């Protein structure tokens, strides 16, 4: 009986801690990344003059990631004009494929800021398993919306969230 009571209390404590964590404000964690040219940049320094930012985690070997970034690329100029959004594409390619990231992104014509997370430190700090994974960040560095995976048309949901954020509205997910 004591074990059952103890187990119940432990379960309630874990659920309570988990639900509180879900409601906490999360900011972009501080992790050092590299540009394809080898320049080190700290993620805490990501900014867009108070306007929204999208941080998209991808990999050269991930077909849904590439599809998502290609589809967003087609819309990006319009998104920037309408909302001022900046997109940051963080490649989680490991050391074997990291050298391909810069040429790959250039070959696609992507106008995003590109960074490498070859050790997956930023990925772990954000807390997701597999790409693609997208975070929408407000002008103060707070992560206000996330999305895992990609299906055709998900970029429309992302843009609705960007637009709502740029207009000062609450993001609904």
Foldseek 3Di string as FASTA:
>chain_A
DVVVVVVVVVVVVVVVVVVVVVPDWDFQDWDWWAALVGDIDTPVPDAQQQFKEKEWEEAPPDVQSVVVQLVCQVCVVVLCVQGVYAYEYEYQAAPVCSNCVVVVCVVSVRPHRYIYPNVCPSVVVVPDDDDGKMFMAGRVRTTQDIDHTDDPPVVVLVSVQSNCRSVVHHGDD
